[in-house]
Protein backbone atom coordinates (compact mmCIF):
# COMPACT_ATOMS: atom_id res chain seq x y z
CA MET A 1 98.47 126.04 225.11
CA ILE A 2 97.15 127.53 221.86
CA GLU A 3 97.28 124.20 220.08
CA GLN A 4 95.47 122.39 222.89
CA ASN A 5 92.81 125.08 223.16
CA VAL A 6 92.13 124.93 219.42
CA LYS A 7 91.93 121.14 219.49
CA GLU A 8 89.43 121.16 222.35
CA LEU A 9 87.29 123.91 220.84
CA LEU A 10 87.10 122.30 217.41
CA ALA A 11 86.13 119.00 219.03
CA ALA A 12 83.39 120.75 221.01
CA LEU A 13 82.04 122.33 217.81
CA GLU A 14 81.98 119.18 215.71
CA LYS A 15 78.28 118.52 216.32
CA GLY A 16 77.33 122.03 215.24
CA ASN A 17 74.85 124.33 216.93
CA ALA A 18 71.43 123.55 218.39
CA PHE A 19 69.99 123.40 214.86
CA GLY A 20 72.66 121.00 213.62
CA GLU A 21 74.32 123.71 211.52
CA LYS A 22 78.06 123.87 211.02
CA VAL A 23 79.72 126.39 213.33
CA THR A 24 82.49 128.66 212.04
CA LEU A 25 85.07 129.51 214.69
CA VAL A 26 86.69 132.90 214.11
CA ALA A 27 89.84 133.47 216.14
CA ALA A 28 89.76 137.02 217.51
CA THR A 29 93.37 138.13 217.16
CA LYS A 30 93.41 141.58 218.76
CA THR A 31 96.90 142.21 220.27
CA ARG A 32 98.09 138.75 219.20
CA THR A 33 101.36 138.35 217.33
CA ALA A 34 101.60 136.87 213.85
CA GLU A 35 103.50 133.95 215.38
CA GLU A 36 100.63 133.18 217.77
CA ILE A 37 98.09 133.45 214.96
CA ASN A 38 100.10 131.16 212.71
CA ARG A 39 100.24 128.60 215.51
CA ALA A 40 96.46 128.71 215.78
CA ILE A 41 96.06 128.30 212.01
CA LYS A 42 98.46 125.37 211.97
CA ALA A 43 96.39 123.80 214.78
CA GLY A 44 93.22 123.99 212.68
CA ILE A 45 91.83 127.54 212.78
CA THR A 46 90.53 128.54 209.34
CA ASP A 47 89.17 132.02 210.06
CA ILE A 48 90.79 134.94 211.87
CA GLY A 49 89.30 138.28 212.86
CA GLU A 50 91.00 141.59 213.57
CA ASN A 51 89.46 144.49 215.51
CA LYS A 52 91.73 147.29 214.37
CA VAL A 53 92.69 148.35 210.86
CA GLN A 54 96.32 149.03 211.79
CA GLU A 55 96.76 145.52 213.20
CA PHE A 56 95.03 144.05 210.16
CA ARG A 57 97.52 145.81 207.88
CA ASP A 58 100.59 145.14 210.02
CA LYS A 59 99.95 141.39 210.27
CA TYR A 60 98.47 140.76 206.84
CA ASP A 61 101.60 139.51 205.08
CA ALA A 62 103.08 137.83 208.16
CA VAL A 63 100.08 135.57 208.73
CA THR A 64 100.01 132.48 206.54
CA GLY A 65 96.56 131.42 205.37
CA GLY A 66 93.16 131.76 206.95
CA ASN A 67 90.10 133.73 205.90
CA ARG A 68 90.60 137.31 207.10
CA HIS A 69 87.58 138.81 208.86
CA PHE A 70 87.24 142.34 210.19
CA ILE A 71 85.25 142.26 213.41
CA GLY A 72 85.80 145.68 215.01
CA HIS A 73 84.30 149.13 214.67
CA LEU A 74 85.25 150.53 211.27
CA GLN A 75 85.66 154.19 210.39
CA THR A 76 84.63 155.12 206.87
CA ASN A 77 87.99 156.75 206.10
CA LYS A 78 89.76 153.44 206.76
CA VAL A 79 87.63 151.26 204.49
CA LYS A 80 90.17 151.75 201.68
CA TYR A 81 92.77 149.71 203.59
CA LEU A 82 90.53 146.63 203.85
CA VAL A 83 88.64 146.38 200.57
CA GLY A 84 89.77 143.38 198.54
CA LYS A 85 91.55 141.82 201.51
CA THR A 86 88.63 141.03 203.82
CA TYR A 87 86.64 137.81 203.68
CA LEU A 88 83.76 139.11 205.81
CA TYR A 89 82.97 142.39 207.56
CA HIS A 90 81.11 141.62 210.82
CA SER A 91 80.43 145.15 212.01
CA VAL A 92 78.49 147.06 209.37
CA ASP A 93 76.58 149.04 211.95
CA ARG A 94 75.29 152.09 210.06
CA ASN A 95 74.24 153.27 206.62
CA GLU A 96 77.23 155.60 206.24
CA LEU A 97 79.66 152.68 206.56
CA ALA A 98 77.64 150.47 204.21
CA GLU A 99 77.67 153.21 201.58
CA ALA A 100 81.44 153.72 201.92
CA LEU A 101 82.05 149.97 201.58
CA ALA A 102 79.75 149.75 198.57
CA LYS A 103 81.45 152.67 196.84
CA ARG A 104 84.98 151.36 197.43
CA SER A 105 83.99 147.82 196.42
CA GLN A 106 82.41 148.99 193.17
CA LYS A 107 85.51 151.03 192.39
CA ALA A 108 87.67 147.93 192.94
CA GLY A 109 85.34 145.79 190.83
CA ILE A 110 84.50 143.40 193.66
CA VAL A 111 81.60 142.45 195.91
CA SER A 112 82.24 142.66 199.66
CA ASP A 113 80.51 140.22 202.00
CA ILE A 114 79.04 141.86 205.09
CA LEU A 115 77.10 141.17 208.26
CA LEU A 116 74.74 143.76 209.67
CA GLN A 117 75.50 144.54 213.29
CA VAL A 118 72.45 144.66 215.53
CA ASN A 119 72.54 146.48 218.86
CA ILE A 120 70.48 143.77 220.53
CA GLY A 121 70.83 145.23 224.04
CA ASN A 122 70.14 148.85 223.00
CA GLU A 123 73.43 149.85 224.60
CA GLU A 124 74.66 153.40 224.16
CA SER A 125 78.27 152.19 224.17
CA LYS A 126 77.75 149.93 221.14
CA GLY A 127 76.95 150.62 217.53
CA GLY A 128 74.50 148.74 215.37
CA TYR A 129 71.04 148.87 213.92
CA PRO A 130 68.21 148.60 216.43
CA LEU A 131 66.44 145.25 216.28
CA SER A 132 63.25 147.02 215.21
CA GLY A 133 64.96 148.38 212.10
CA ALA A 134 67.41 145.61 211.29
CA PHE A 135 65.26 143.75 208.76
CA GLN A 136 64.48 146.96 206.91
CA ALA A 137 68.19 147.76 206.80
CA TYR A 138 68.85 144.27 205.41
CA GLU A 139 66.17 144.69 202.72
CA ARG A 140 67.73 147.96 201.63
CA LEU A 141 71.36 146.87 201.68
CA LYS A 142 70.84 143.52 199.96
CA GLU A 143 70.10 145.58 196.84
CA ALA A 144 73.28 147.66 197.10
CA ASP A 145 75.80 147.22 194.30
CA GLY A 146 79.18 146.13 195.63
CA LEU A 147 77.77 144.48 198.75
CA ARG A 148 76.44 141.03 199.58
CA VAL A 149 74.65 140.67 202.92
CA ARG A 150 75.57 137.29 204.42
CA GLY A 151 73.79 137.58 207.76
CA PHE A 152 73.82 139.36 211.10
CA MET A 153 76.12 139.98 214.05
CA ALA A 154 75.38 140.89 217.65
CA MET A 155 77.29 141.25 220.90
CA LEU A 156 75.34 140.31 223.99
CA PRO A 157 75.47 142.79 226.89
CA LEU A 158 77.36 141.90 230.04
CA LEU A 159 74.40 140.74 232.10
CA SER A 160 74.01 138.00 234.69
CA ASP A 161 70.33 137.47 233.84
CA GLU A 162 70.41 134.47 231.50
CA ARG A 163 66.71 134.81 230.78
CA ILE A 164 67.24 138.21 229.17
CA LEU A 165 70.29 137.00 227.25
CA THR A 166 68.36 133.98 225.98
CA GLU A 167 65.53 136.22 224.78
CA GLN A 168 68.03 138.40 222.94
CA CYS A 169 69.64 135.38 221.29
CA ASP A 170 66.22 134.11 220.23
CA ALA A 171 65.36 137.50 218.74
CA MET A 172 68.55 137.41 216.68
CA ARG A 173 67.84 133.86 215.51
CA ALA A 174 64.32 134.91 214.47
CA LEU A 175 65.78 137.80 212.45
CA TYR A 176 68.28 135.46 210.82
CA GLU A 177 65.60 132.92 209.91
CA ARG A 178 63.27 135.58 208.55
CA ALA A 179 65.96 136.72 206.12
CA SER A 180 67.33 133.27 205.26
CA GLN A 181 63.94 131.87 204.28
CA THR A 182 64.02 133.74 200.98
CA ASP A 183 67.69 134.69 200.57
CA LYS A 184 70.28 132.00 199.89
CA ASN A 185 73.08 134.46 200.64
CA ILE A 186 72.13 134.57 204.32
CA SER A 187 74.45 132.06 205.96
CA TYR A 188 75.84 133.52 209.17
CA LEU A 189 74.54 134.47 212.59
CA SER A 190 77.72 135.71 214.27
CA MET A 191 77.03 135.79 217.99
CA GLY A 192 79.11 134.57 220.89
CA MET A 193 82.49 135.39 222.39
CA SER A 194 84.70 133.74 224.98
CA GLY A 195 82.29 134.44 227.86
CA ASP A 196 78.96 133.52 226.27
CA TRP A 197 79.55 131.34 223.20
CA LYS A 198 77.96 128.21 224.66
CA LEU A 199 74.69 130.04 225.32
CA CYS A 200 74.75 131.55 221.84
CA LEU A 201 75.27 128.18 220.17
CA SER A 202 72.43 126.71 222.20
CA ARG A 203 70.13 129.39 220.74
CA GLY A 204 71.25 129.09 217.12
CA ALA A 205 74.40 131.10 216.46
CA ASN A 206 76.52 129.47 213.75
CA MET A 207 79.58 131.70 213.93
CA ILE A 208 81.47 132.60 217.11
CA ARG A 209 84.42 134.91 217.76
CA LEU A 210 86.84 133.63 220.39
CA GLY A 211 90.08 135.23 221.52
CA THR A 212 90.83 134.50 225.16
CA ALA A 213 89.51 130.94 224.85
CA ILE A 214 92.16 130.30 222.19
CA PHE A 215 95.12 132.48 223.12
CA GLY A 216 94.67 133.05 226.85
CA GLU A 217 94.34 136.40 228.59
CA ARG A 218 95.50 139.46 226.61
CA ASP A 219 98.54 141.45 227.66
CA TYR A 220 97.87 145.14 226.89
CA ARG A 221 101.28 146.37 227.98
């Protein structure tokens, strides 16, 4: 099943997004075994994303290949376990975390690539910069030693009103384009999961995070 799902998804993404840009498919591997992840990589997945630091650490050596993304909420006291091992941090959602990442990265003598998380739906249950302050946060953090801002990430709210979701996607694309016009480091608009990725691609996302669509339903037992 995994192999067939990957094959079908990669075929669907060959033409890119609505702007003709290449789409990066990140396999969301929360609760998945190293064996399942390796099957997905062998089938063609190049990028994998973990939500929890403990799972990231436990699977790191058992997974063969793939760019390792961290896509979940990150506590500042756990940054030390990820620095130097993470290809891209999707969920830099506050200044405190950005500062911790910058400090640890400088200490390690590296530059960490990050996305700024935007709370596009103004949801109390989600972190992220408000849309109104996201560009200002980008302008500040692009100057931070130890960090390289590569773009933005958002999670759409669970709404049935496609008009609202479309407007939110368009607002994220506008933010991305505003930054990318003058900054060659801005490459990624990470937006879209198993339930809404087609809408996000149609509005300009160029990175999507899919778990269930690749591995099937999660078993939390």
